[in-house]
Amino acid sequence: MTKIHKQGLIFSLFLAINLFFFFYLNYTVVERLQMLISNRLYCTWNLVLQDSDLDINQISEQLPNGSRAFFEHTEDGNLRFVYQKGDWKLPLVSGHSFDSNVDLPQALVGINVKNNLENEDYIVFGDIKYEVVGILGTNYPSSLDNLTLINKINETLPIERVVIDTENPRDIENVAQLFNVSVFNENRALSRFLNSDIFKQLIMINVVIILVILIVISGYLYFNLYKKNDYVLYLLGNSKLNIMKRNIARLTVAFLSSFIMILLIDLGIGNQVVFKYFTRYILILLLIYISYCSCFFLGDKKLY
């Protein structure tokens, strides 16, 4: 097998590993997005406060990172002031989310709300004019089409209820200890079914097992492809350590080349999961090092 064929085989295997993990990460993103759309931007683990007269400052100081507080101004919840603590990616058809660096009233509206606006750039509630900066929703009709989110509290609007949810379901238990709660996790039965971690754990276990198998195969395959070359280098006076460093450098180049391809695919899709889970890709690379080094030292006695 030629040098180019060997490099192409290793590159293809690394690309398969990175693609497999990339598809899994995108699955988790899509799963979370579908949950938010079906629950009208609420996680299945949310709570309703008993006291709807709480000031936003009283609430925001106690919320953990990755949580949100919604002040519903209508009975159907279609008009809400939202406070978010942390980065929250909303499902948008067009436009952008609230700009935290701009201290101006802004609104995100569903497509049906947008179509009913006389002025397409602004929506007015009371004496406050909110600039419409984005359109909520998806490429298909959903409950978000009639929703309006605003980033500035409006004193002229009544508050029907205050809802808090978190990115991490474990955090909602801690939040419930901080406030008087009237309803805890309205979809609790659904939550126990969907978020009992049984399905997620099974999927995650299978993903981990497959990744480990692929990583072990890649390390073993690389060792076998280059062991004759390594033995020749050893006979020519190269130390085992230098040979191993040489191979690790070659592994790194092959892995980074495949990773760049995944990065370009991610940028094209727009989910940007690679940046979010970059450290996990580094962990995969470290495991590949361990797999190869294990094969190198175990096969060391037979070769040298």
C-alpha atoms as a PDB file:
ATOM      1  CA  MET A   1       0.000   0.000   0.000  1.00  0.00           C
ATOM      2  CA  THR A   2       1.417   3.385  -0.991  1.00  0.00           C
ATOM      3  CA  LYS A   3       1.938   6.269   1.401  1.00  0.00           C
ATOM      4  CA  ILE A   4      -0.948   8.225  -0.156  1.00  0.00           C
ATOM      5  CA  HIS A   5      -3.292   5.238   0.227  1.00  0.00           C
ATOM      6  CA  LYS A   6      -2.312   4.856   3.873  1.00  0.00           C
ATOM      7  CA  GLN A   7      -2.893   8.531   4.598  1.00  0.00           C
ATOM      8  CA  GLY A   8      -6.193   8.455   2.717  1.00  0.00           C
ATOM      9  CA  LEU A   9      -7.381   5.436   4.713  1.00  0.00           C
ATOM     10  CA  ILE A  10      -6.526   7.059   8.060  1.00  0.00           C
ATOM     11  CA  PHE A  11      -8.090  10.355   6.973  1.00  0.00           C
ATOM     12  CA  SER A  12     -11.299   8.551   5.911  1.00  0.00           C
ATOM     13  CA  LEU A  13     -11.508   6.763   9.249  1.00  0.00           C
ATOM     14  CA  PHE A  14     -11.032  10.003  11.179  1.00  0.00           C
ATOM     15  CA  LEU A  15     -13.621  11.702   8.980  1.00  0.00           C
ATOM     16  CA  ALA A  16     -16.075   8.897   9.766  1.00  0.00           C
ATOM     17  CA  ILE A  17     -15.430   9.324  13.509  1.00  0.00           C
ATOM     18  CA  ASN A  18     -15.898  13.089  13.374  1.00  0.00           C
ATOM     19  CA  LEU A  19     -18.980  12.834  11.160  1.00  0.00           C
ATOM     20  CA  PHE A  20     -20.579  10.263  13.428  1.00  0.00           C
ATOM     21  CA  PHE A  21     -20.061  12.457  16.497  1.00  0.00           C
ATOM     22  CA  PHE A  22     -21.169  15.545  14.561  1.00  0.00           C
ATOM     23  CA  PHE A  23     -24.456  13.885  13.564  1.00  0.00           C
ATOM     24  CA  TYR A  24     -25.059  12.894  17.185  1.00  0.00           C
ATOM     25  CA  LEU A  25     -24.476  16.461  18.382  1.00  0.00           C
ATOM     26  CA  ASN A  26     -26.865  17.798  15.744  1.00  0.00           C
ATOM     27  CA  TYR A  27     -29.457  15.249  16.820  1.00  0.00           C
ATOM     28  CA  THR A  28     -29.317  16.589  20.378  1.00  0.00           C
ATOM     29  CA  VAL A  29     -29.703  20.170  19.090  1.00  0.00           C
ATOM     30  CA  VAL A  30     -32.700  19.262  16.906  1.00  0.00           C
ATOM     31  CA  GLU A  31     -34.268  17.275  19.743  1.00  0.00           C
ATOM     32  CA  ARG A  32     -34.042  20.268  22.096  1.00  0.00           C
ATOM     33  CA  LEU A  33     -35.347  22.625  19.407  1.00  0.00           C
ATOM     34  CA  GLN A  34     -38.372  20.439  18.706  1.00  0.00           C
ATOM     35  CA  MET A  35     -39.119  20.308  22.427  1.00  0.00           C
ATOM     36  CA  LEU A  36     -39.090  24.111  22.630  1.00  0.00           C
ATOM     37  CA  ILE A  37     -41.296  24.486  19.552  1.00  0.00           C
ATOM     38  CA  SER A  38     -43.883  21.953  20.733  1.00  0.00           C
ATOM     39  CA  ASN A  39     -43.974  23.578  24.200  1.00  0.00           C
ATOM     40  CA  ARG A  40     -44.098  27.143  22.841  1.00  0.00           C
ATOM     41  CA  LEU A  41     -40.525  27.934  23.962  1.00  0.00           C
ATOM     42  CA  TYR A  42     -40.903  26.289  27.380  1.00  0.00           C
ATOM     43  CA  CYS A  43     -38.899  23.261  28.403  1.00  0.00           C
ATOM     44  CA  THR A  44     -40.928  20.347  29.703  1.00  0.00           C
ATOM     45  CA  TRP A  45     -39.374  21.134  33.091  1.00  0.00           C
ATOM     46  CA  ASN A  46     -40.753  24.563  33.944  1.00  0.00           C
ATOM     47  CA  LEU A  47     -42.455  26.135  36.931  1.00  0.00           C
ATOM     48  CA  VAL A  48     -45.035  28.858  37.468  1.00  0.00           C
ATOM     49  CA  LEU A  49     -44.526  31.290  40.334  1.00  0.00           C
ATOM     50  CA  GLN A  50     -47.303  31.831  42.818  1.00  0.00           C
ATOM     51  CA  ASP A  51     -46.543  35.541  43.141  1.00  0.00           C
ATOM     52  CA  SER A  52     -46.844  37.273  39.767  1.00  0.00           C
ATOM     53  CA  ASP A  53     -46.019  40.682  41.304  1.00  0.00           C
ATOM     54  CA  LEU A  54     -42.339  39.872  41.773  1.00  0.00           C
ATOM     55  CA  ASP A  55     -39.935  42.392  40.313  1.00  0.00           C
ATOM     56  CA  ILE A  56     -37.689  41.131  37.525  1.00  0.00           C
ATOM     57  CA  ASN A  57     -34.646  42.231  39.518  1.00  0.00           C
ATOM     58  CA  GLN A  58     -35.702  40.023  42.440  1.00  0.00           C
ATOM     59  CA  ILE A  59     -35.975  37.065  40.095  1.00  0.00           C
ATOM     60  CA  SER A  60     -32.909  37.644  37.934  1.00  0.00           C
ATOM     61  CA  GLU A  61     -30.541  37.815  40.906  1.00  0.00           C
ATOM     62  CA  GLN A  62     -31.417  34.269  41.947  1.00  0.00           C
ATOM     63  CA  LEU A  63     -31.604  32.542  38.587  1.00  0.00           C
ATOM     64  CA  PRO A  64     -28.760  30.193  37.600  1.00  0.00           C
ATOM     65  CA  ASN A  65     -26.958  30.586  34.306  1.00  0.00           C
ATOM     66  CA  GLY A  66     -28.840  29.095  31.351  1.00  0.00           C
ATOM     67  CA  SER A  67     -32.299  29.944  32.691  1.00  0.00           C
ATOM     68  CA  ARG A  68     -35.162  32.171  31.560  1.00  0.00           C
ATOM     69  CA  ALA A  69     -38.024  34.062  33.159  1.00  0.00           C
ATOM     70  CA  PHE A  70     -41.181  34.757  31.134  1.00  0.00           C
ATOM     71  CA  PHE A  71     -43.754  37.357  32.157  1.00  0.00           C
ATOM     72  CA  GLU A  72     -46.938  36.412  30.312  1.00  0.00           C
ATOM     73  CA  HIS A  73     -49.106  39.458  29.611  1.00  0.00           C
ATOM     74  CA  THR A  74     -52.060  37.578  28.103  1.00  0.00           C
ATOM     75  CA  GLU A  75     -54.048  34.546  29.207  1.00  0.00           C
ATOM     76  CA  ASP A  76     -52.951  32.520  26.201  1.00  0.00           C
ATOM     77  CA  GLY A  77     -49.307  33.480  26.786  1.00  0.00           C
ATOM     78  CA  ASN A  78     -48.867  34.850  23.273  1.00  0.00           C
ATOM     79  CA  LEU A  79     -47.372  38.094  24.552  1.00  0.00           C
ATOM     80  CA  ARG A  80     -44.415  37.736  26.915  1.00  0.00           C
ATOM     81  CA  PHE A  81     -41.567  39.730  28.332  1.00  0.00           C
ATOM     82  CA  VAL A  82     -38.542  37.445  28.506  1.00  0.00           C
ATOM     83  CA  TYR A  83     -35.409  37.716  30.606  1.00  0.00           C
ATOM     84  CA  GLN A  84     -32.613  35.299  29.747  1.00  0.00           C
ATOM     85  CA  LYS A  85     -29.495  34.523  31.711  1.00  0.00           C
ATOM     86  CA  GLY A  86     -26.957  33.054  29.347  1.00  0.00           C
ATOM     87  CA  ASP A  87     -26.929  32.308  25.649  1.00  0.00           C
ATOM     88  CA  TRP A  88     -30.275  31.140  24.282  1.00  0.00           C
ATOM     89  CA  LYS A  89     -30.691  30.248  20.636  1.00  0.00           C
ATOM     90  CA  LEU A  90     -34.262  30.913  19.550  1.00  0.00           C
ATOM     91  CA  PRO A  91     -35.903  29.311  16.493  1.00  0.00           C
ATOM     92  CA  LEU A  92     -36.001  32.186  13.999  1.00  0.00           C
ATOM     93  CA  VAL A  93     -37.169  32.254  10.396  1.00  0.00           C
ATOM     94  CA  SER A  94     -35.360  35.522   9.745  1.00  0.00           C
ATOM     95  CA  GLY A  95     -33.721  38.416  11.550  1.00  0.00           C
ATOM     96  CA  HIS A  96     -31.811  38.073  14.805  1.00  0.00           C
ATOM     97  CA  SER A  97     -32.469  37.639  18.498  1.00  0.00           C
ATOM     98  CA  PHE A  98     -32.434  40.412  21.089  1.00  0.00           C
ATOM     99  CA  ASP A  99     -29.273  42.493  21.047  1.00  0.00           C
ATOM    100  CA  SER A 100     -27.963  42.618  24.617  1.00  0.00           C
ATOM    101  CA  ASN A 101     -25.670  45.507  23.685  1.00  0.00           C
ATOM    102  CA  VAL A 102     -28.563  47.741  22.596  1.00  0.00           C
ATOM    103  CA  ASP A 103     -30.692  49.256  25.356  1.00  0.00           C
ATOM    104  CA  LEU A 104     -33.765  49.741  23.158  1.00  0.00           C
ATOM    105  CA  PRO A 105     -37.224  48.095  23.171  1.00  0.00           C
ATOM    106  CA  GLN A 106     -37.122  45.157  20.758  1.00  0.00           C
ATOM    107  CA  ALA A 107     -39.607  42.445  19.816  1.00  0.00           C
ATOM    108  CA  LEU A 108     -39.569  39.012  18.215  1.00  0.00           C
ATOM    109  CA  VAL A 109     -42.860  38.112  16.539  1.00  0.00           C
ATOM    110  CA  GLY A 110     -44.395  35.090  14.870  1.00  0.00           C
ATOM    111  CA  ILE A 111     -45.175  35.146  11.168  1.00  0.00           C
ATOM    112  CA  ASN A 112     -48.916  35.636  11.749  1.00  0.00           C
ATOM    113  CA  VAL A 113     -48.247  38.606  14.012  1.00  0.00           C
ATOM    114  CA  LYS A 114     -45.828  39.997  11.456  1.00  0.00           C
ATOM    115  CA  ASN A 115     -48.421  39.763   8.669  1.00  0.00           C
ATOM    116  CA  ASN A 116     -50.975  41.653  10.760  1.00  0.00           C
ATOM    117  CA  LEU A 117     -48.690  44.569  11.549  1.00  0.00           C
ATOM    118  CA  GLU A 118     -49.573  47.859   9.885  1.00  0.00           C
ATOM    119  CA  ASN A 119     -45.995  49.003  10.310  1.00  0.00           C
ATOM    120  CA  GLU A 120     -43.731  46.069   9.551  1.00  0.00           C
ATOM    121  CA  ASP A 121     -40.815  47.467  11.538  1.00  0.00           C
ATOM    122  CA  TYR A 122     -42.500  48.201  14.880  1.00  0.00           C
ATOM    123  CA  ILE A 123     -45.156  46.871  17.238  1.00  0.00           C
ATOM    124  CA  VAL A 124     -46.737  49.057  19.936  1.00  0.00           C
ATOM    125  CA  PHE A 125     -47.918  48.045  23.406  1.00  0.00           C
ATOM    126  CA  GLY A 126     -49.201  50.845  25.609  1.00  0.00           C
ATOM    127  CA  ASP A 127     -46.915  53.803  25.159  1.00  0.00           C
ATOM    128  CA  ILE A 128     -43.842  51.761  24.174  1.00  0.00           C
ATOM    129  CA  LYS A 129     -42.872  51.114  20.560  1.00  0.00           C
ATOM    130  CA  TYR A 130     -40.845  47.918  20.076  1.00  0.00           C
ATOM    131  CA  GLU A 131     -38.648  47.408  17.054  1.00  0.00           C
ATOM    132  CA  VAL A 132     -39.286  44.057  15.358  1.00  0.00           C
ATOM    133  CA  VAL A 133     -35.829  42.510  14.938  1.00  0.00           C
ATOM    134  CA  GLY A 134     -36.710  38.887  14.171  1.00  0.00           C
ATOM    135  CA  ILE A 135     -39.439  36.479  13.086  1.00  0.00           C
ATOM    136  CA  LEU A 136     -40.101  33.513  15.370  1.00  0.00           C
ATOM    137  CA  GLY A 137     -40.997  30.135  13.951  1.00  0.00           C
ATOM    138  CA  THR A 138     -39.886  27.378  11.624  1.00  0.00           C
ATOM    139  CA  ASN A 139     -40.299  26.452   7.976  1.00  0.00           C
ATOM    140  CA  TYR A 140     -43.654  24.867   8.808  1.00  0.00           C
ATOM    141  CA  PRO A 141     -46.705  26.208  10.719  1.00  0.00           C
ATOM    142  CA  SER A 142     -46.261  26.031  14.481  1.00  0.00           C
ATOM    143  CA  SER A 143     -47.539  27.506  17.748  1.00  0.00           C
ATOM    144  CA  LEU A 144     -44.796  30.114  17.535  1.00  0.00           C
ATOM    145  CA  ASP A 145     -46.526  31.849  14.622  1.00  0.00           C
ATOM    146  CA  ASN A 146     -48.807  33.776  17.002  1.00  0.00           C
ATOM    147  CA  LEU A 147     -46.171  34.491  19.653  1.00  0.00           C
ATOM    148  CA  THR A 148     -44.616  37.854  20.557  1.00  0.00           C
ATOM    149  CA  LEU A 149     -41.578  38.245  22.800  1.00  0.00           C
ATOM    150  CA  ILE A 150     -40.409  41.622  24.110  1.00  0.00           C
ATOM    151  CA  ASN A 151     -37.142  42.476  25.845  1.00  0.00           C
ATOM    152  CA  LYS A 152     -38.358  45.416  27.953  1.00  0.00           C
ATOM    153  CA  ILE A 153     -40.837  45.170  30.816  1.00  0.00           C
ATOM    154  CA  ASN A 154     -44.030  47.117  30.126  1.00  0.00           C
ATOM    155  CA  GLU A 155     -45.666  48.559  33.238  1.00  0.00           C
ATOM    156  CA  THR A 156     -48.931  49.218  31.380  1.00  0.00           C
ATOM    157  CA  LEU A 157     -49.478  45.538  30.628  1.00  0.00           C
ATOM    158  CA  PRO A 158     -51.022  43.114  33.156  1.00  0.00           C
ATOM    159  CA  ILE A 159     -49.007  40.071  34.247  1.00  0.00           C
ATOM    160  CA  GLU A 160     -51.031  36.886  34.060  1.00  0.00           C
ATOM    161  CA  ARG A 161     -48.272  34.604  35.298  1.00  0.00           C
ATOM    162  CA  VAL A 162     -44.502  34.241  35.595  1.00  0.00           C
ATOM    163  CA  VAL A 163     -42.871  31.105  34.195  1.00  0.00           C
ATOM    164  CA  ILE A 164     -39.281  30.032  34.791  1.00  0.00           C
ATOM    165  CA  ASP A 165     -37.420  27.284  33.002  1.00  0.00           C
ATOM    166  CA  THR A 166     -33.792  26.226  32.659  1.00  0.00           C
ATOM    167  CA  GLU A 167     -31.559  24.597  30.076  1.00  0.00           C
ATOM    168  CA  ASN A 168     -30.532  21.941  32.583  1.00  0.00           C
ATOM    169  CA  PRO A 169     -33.498  20.015  34.073  1.00  0.00           C
ATOM    170  CA  ARG A 170     -31.538  19.511  37.297  1.00  0.00           C
ATOM    171  CA  ASP A 171     -31.405  23.279  37.878  1.00  0.00           C
ATOM    172  CA  ILE A 172     -35.184  23.607  38.024  1.00  0.00           C
ATOM    173  CA  GLU A 173     -35.224  21.698  41.301  1.00  0.00           C
ATOM    174  CA  ASN A 174     -32.912  24.300  42.837  1.00  0.00           C
ATOM    175  CA  VAL A 175     -34.944  27.179  41.421  1.00  0.00           C
ATOM    176  CA  ALA A 176     -38.103  25.719  42.961  1.00  0.00           C
ATOM    177  CA  GLN A 177     -36.502  26.125  46.399  1.00  0.00           C
ATOM    178  CA  LEU A 178     -36.008  29.858  45.852  1.00  0.00           C
ATOM    179  CA  PHE A 179     -39.586  30.922  45.059  1.00  0.00           C
ATOM    180  CA  ASN A 180     -43.169  30.183  45.978  1.00  0.00           C
ATOM    181  CA  VAL A 181     -44.305  27.865  43.200  1.00  0.00           C
ATOM    182  CA  SER A 182     -47.923  27.346  42.219  1.00  0.00           C
ATOM    183  CA  VAL A 183     -47.315  24.818  39.437  1.00  0.00           C
ATOM    184  CA  PHE A 184     -44.148  22.777  39.142  1.00  0.00           C
ATOM    185  CA  ASN A 185     -43.447  21.277  35.758  1.00  0.00           C
ATOM    186  CA  GLU A 186     -46.853  21.359  34.125  1.00  0.00           C
ATOM    187  CA  ASN A 187     -45.824  18.557  31.802  1.00  0.00           C
ATOM    188  CA  ARG A 188     -44.413  16.414  34.588  1.00  0.00           C
ATOM    189  CA  ALA A 189     -45.864  13.163  33.283  1.00  0.00           C
ATOM    190  CA  LEU A 190     -44.512  13.910  29.830  1.00  0.00           C
ATOM    191  CA  SER A 191     -41.224  14.968  31.354  1.00  0.00           C
ATOM    192  CA  ARG A 192     -40.837  11.704  33.231  1.00  0.00           C
ATOM    193  CA  PHE A 193     -41.357   9.852  29.970  1.00  0.00           C
ATOM    194  CA  LEU A 194     -39.185  11.997  27.710  1.00  0.00           C
ATOM    195  CA  ASN A 195     -36.607  13.154  30.207  1.00  0.00           C
ATOM    196  CA  SER A 196     -36.239  10.132  32.424  1.00  0.00           C
ATOM    197  CA  ASP A 197     -32.837   9.781  30.720  1.00  0.00           C
ATOM    198  CA  ILE A 198     -33.621   6.187  29.731  1.00  0.00           C
ATOM    199  CA  PHE A 199     -33.664   6.886  26.000  1.00  0.00           C
ATOM    200  CA  LYS A 200     -30.967   9.541  26.163  1.00  0.00           C
ATOM    201  CA  GLN A 201     -28.709   7.280  28.185  1.00  0.00           C
ATOM    202  CA  LEU A 202     -29.247   4.382  25.781  1.00  0.00           C
ATOM    203  CA  ILE A 203     -28.428   6.589  22.807  1.00  0.00           C
ATOM    204  CA  MET A 204     -25.427   8.110  24.555  1.00  0.00           C
ATOM    205  CA  ILE A 205     -24.117   4.683  25.638  1.00  0.00           C
ATOM    206  CA  ASN A 206     -24.384   3.399  22.076  1.00  0.00           C
ATOM    207  CA  VAL A 207     -22.635   6.500  20.738  1.00  0.00           C
ATOM    208  CA  VAL A 208     -19.815   6.115  23.273  1.00  0.00           C
ATOM    209  CA  ILE A 209     -19.403   2.400  22.503  1.00  0.00           C
ATOM    210  CA  ILE A 210     -19.251   3.008  18.751  1.00  0.00           C
ATOM    211  CA  LEU A 211     -16.808   5.900  19.195  1.00  0.00           C
ATOM    212  CA  VAL A 212     -14.535   3.808  21.418  1.00  0.00           C
ATOM    213  CA  ILE A 213     -14.571   0.946  18.904  1.00  0.00           C
ATOM    214  CA  LEU A 214     -13.738   3.318  16.030  1.00  0.00           C
ATOM    215  CA  ILE A 215     -10.978   4.979  18.060  1.00  0.00           C
ATOM    216  CA  VAL A 216      -9.400   1.635  18.988  1.00  0.00           C
ATOM    217  CA  ILE A 217      -9.615   0.476  15.368  1.00  0.00           C
ATOM    218  CA  SER A 218      -8.004   3.713  14.143  1.00  0.00           C
ATOM    219  CA  GLY A 219      -5.080   3.389  16.559  1.00  0.00           C
ATOM    220  CA  TYR A 220      -4.561  -0.291  15.751  1.00  0.00           C
ATOM    221  CA  LEU A 221      -4.921   0.252  12.002  1.00  0.00           C
ATOM    222  CA  TYR A 222      -2.451   3.109  11.974  1.00  0.00           C
ATOM    223  CA  PHE A 223       0.084   1.071  13.947  1.00  0.00           C
ATOM    224  CA  ASN A 224      -0.193  -1.853  11.541  1.00  0.00           C
ATOM    225  CA  LEU A 225       0.002   0.334   8.452  1.00  0.00           C
ATOM    226  CA  TYR A 226       3.226   2.011   9.564  1.00  0.00           C
ATOM    227  CA  LYS A 227       4.921  -0.663  11.686  1.00  0.00           C
ATOM    228  CA  LYS A 228       7.245  -1.780   8.853  1.00  0.00           C
ATOM    229  CA  ASN A 229       8.219   1.815   8.183  1.00  0.00           C
ATOM    230  CA  ASP A 230       8.796   2.343  11.886  1.00  0.00           C
ATOM    231  CA  TYR A 231      10.994  -0.731  12.092  1.00  0.00           C
ATOM    232  CA  VAL A 232      13.120   0.498   9.191  1.00  0.00           C
ATOM    233  CA  LEU A 233      13.473   3.898  10.904  1.00  0.00           C
ATOM    234  CA  TYR A 234      14.499   2.099  14.091  1.00  0.00           C
ATOM    235  CA  LEU A 235      17.176   0.114  12.249  1.00  0.00           C
ATOM    236  CA  LEU A 236      18.446   3.369  10.778  1.00  0.00           C
ATOM    237  CA  GLY A 237      19.110   4.670  14.280  1.00  0.00           C
ATOM    238  CA  ASN A 238      15.927   6.529  15.193  1.00  0.00           C
ATOM    239  CA  SER A 239      14.832   6.158  18.795  1.00  0.00           C
ATOM    240  CA  LYS A 240      11.455   4.695  19.681  1.00  0.00           C
ATOM    241  CA  LEU A 241      10.392   8.010  21.220  1.00  0.00           C
ATOM    242  CA  ASN A 242      11.179   9.944  18.048  1.00  0.00           C
ATOM    243  CA  ILE A 243       9.319   7.377  15.944  1.00  0.00           C
ATOM    244  CA  MET A 244       6.284   7.662  18.177  1.00  0.00           C
ATOM    245  CA  LYS A 245       6.405  11.491  18.074  1.00  0.00           C
ATOM    246  CA  ARG A 246       6.616  11.338  14.293  1.00  0.00           C
ATOM    247  CA  ASN A 247       3.506   9.176  14.113  1.00  0.00           C
ATOM    248  CA  ILE A 248       1.583  11.303  16.610  1.00  0.00           C
ATOM    249  CA  ALA A 249       2.316  14.359  14.475  1.00  0.00           C
ATOM    250  CA  ARG A 250       1.017  12.508  11.407  1.00  0.00           C
ATOM    251  CA  LEU A 251      -2.100  11.443  13.319  1.00  0.00           C
ATOM    252  CA  THR A 252      -2.680  15.034  14.390  1.00  0.00           C
ATOM    253  CA  VAL A 253      -2.486  16.343  10.829  1.00  0.00           C
ATOM    254  CA  ALA A 254      -4.922  13.692   9.572  1.00  0.00           C
ATOM    255  CA  PHE A 255      -7.368  14.339  12.399  1.00  0.00           C
ATOM    256  CA  LEU A 256      -7.233  18.137  12.047  1.00  0.00           C
ATOM    257  CA  SER A 257      -7.773  17.846   8.286  1.00  0.00           C
ATOM    258  CA  SER A 258     -10.951  15.830   8.831  1.00  0.00           C
ATOM    259  CA  PHE A 259     -11.998  18.180  11.646  1.00  0.00           C
ATOM    260  CA  ILE A 260     -11.720  21.196   9.340  1.00  0.00           C
ATOM    261  CA  MET A 261     -14.119  19.497   6.925  1.00  0.00           C
ATOM    262  CA  ILE A 262     -16.597  18.942   9.748  1.00  0.00           C
ATOM    263  CA  LEU A 263     -16.168  22.561  10.789  1.00  0.00           C
ATOM    264  CA  LEU A 264     -17.013  23.765   7.289  1.00  0.00           C
ATOM    265  CA  ILE A 265     -20.111  21.548   7.208  1.00  0.00           C
ATOM    266  CA  ASP A 266     -21.159  22.922  10.589  1.00  0.00           C
ATOM    267  CA  LEU A 267     -20.738  26.511   9.399  1.00  0.00           C
ATOM    268  CA  GLY A 268     -22.850  25.696   6.346  1.00  0.00           C
ATOM    269  CA  ILE A 269     -25.652  24.189   8.437  1.00  0.00           C
ATOM    270  CA  GLY A 270     -25.512  27.018  10.969  1.00  0.00           C
ATOM    271  CA  ASN A 271     -25.969  25.057  14.210  1.00  0.00           C
ATOM    272  CA  GLN A 272     -22.368  25.739  15.320  1.00  0.00           C
ATOM    273  CA  VAL A 273     -22.239  22.650  17.525  1.00  0.00           C
ATOM    274  CA  VAL A 274     -18.557  22.097  16.764  1.00  0.00           C
ATOM    275  CA  PHE A 275     -17.554  25.297  18.560  1.00  0.00           C
ATOM    276  CA  LYS A 276     -19.835  24.495  21.466  1.00  0.00           C
ATOM    277  CA  TYR A 277     -18.435  20.985  21.918  1.00  0.00           C
ATOM    278  CA  PHE A 278     -14.884  21.673  20.755  1.00  0.00           C
ATOM    279  CA  THR A 279     -13.354  20.174  23.916  1.00  0.00           C
ATOM    280  CA  ARG A 280     -15.038  16.840  23.173  1.00  0.00           C
ATOM    281  CA  TYR A 281     -13.320  16.680  19.810  1.00  0.00           C
ATOM    282  CA  ILE A 282     -10.046  17.322  21.611  1.00  0.00           C
ATOM    283  CA  LEU A 283     -10.912  14.415  23.924  1.00  0.00           C
ATOM    284  CA  ILE A 284     -11.469  12.163  20.901  1.00  0.00           C
ATOM    285  CA  LEU A 285      -8.043  13.123  19.574  1.00  0.00           C
ATOM    286  CA  LEU A 286      -6.441  12.363  22.941  1.00  0.00           C
ATOM    287  CA  LEU A 287      -8.125   8.952  22.992  1.00  0.00           C
ATOM    288  CA  ILE A 288      -6.745   8.277  19.510  1.00  0.00           C
ATOM    289  CA  TYR A 289      -3.280   9.092  20.863  1.00  0.00           C
ATOM    290  CA  ILE A 290      -3.819   6.667  23.730  1.00  0.00           C
ATOM    291  CA  SER A 291      -5.081   3.969  21.365  1.00  0.00           C
ATOM    292  CA  TYR A 292      -2.069   4.305  19.073  1.00  0.00           C
ATOM    293  CA  CYS A 293       0.478   4.552  21.902  1.00  0.00           C
ATOM    294  CA  SER A 294      -0.997   1.444  23.510  1.00  0.00           C
ATOM    295  CA  CYS A 295      -0.586  -0.479  20.256  1.00  0.00           C
ATOM    296  CA  PHE A 296       2.925   0.936  19.840  1.00  0.00           C
ATOM    297  CA  PHE A 297       4.119  -0.174  23.264  1.00  0.00           C
ATOM    298  CA  LEU A 298       2.306  -3.525  23.169  1.00  0.00           C
ATOM    299  CA  GLY A 299       3.774  -4.303  19.748  1.00  0.00           C
ATOM    300  CA  ASP A 300       7.138  -2.833  20.717  1.00  0.00           C
ATOM    301  CA  LYS A 301       8.612  -6.146  21.928  1.00  0.00           C
ATOM    302  CA  LYS A 302       7.717  -7.961  18.720  1.00  0.00           C
ATOM    303  CA  LEU A 303       9.267  -5.336  16.457  1.00  0.00           C
ATOM    304  CA  TYR A 304      12.334  -3.991  18.250  1.00  0.00           C
END
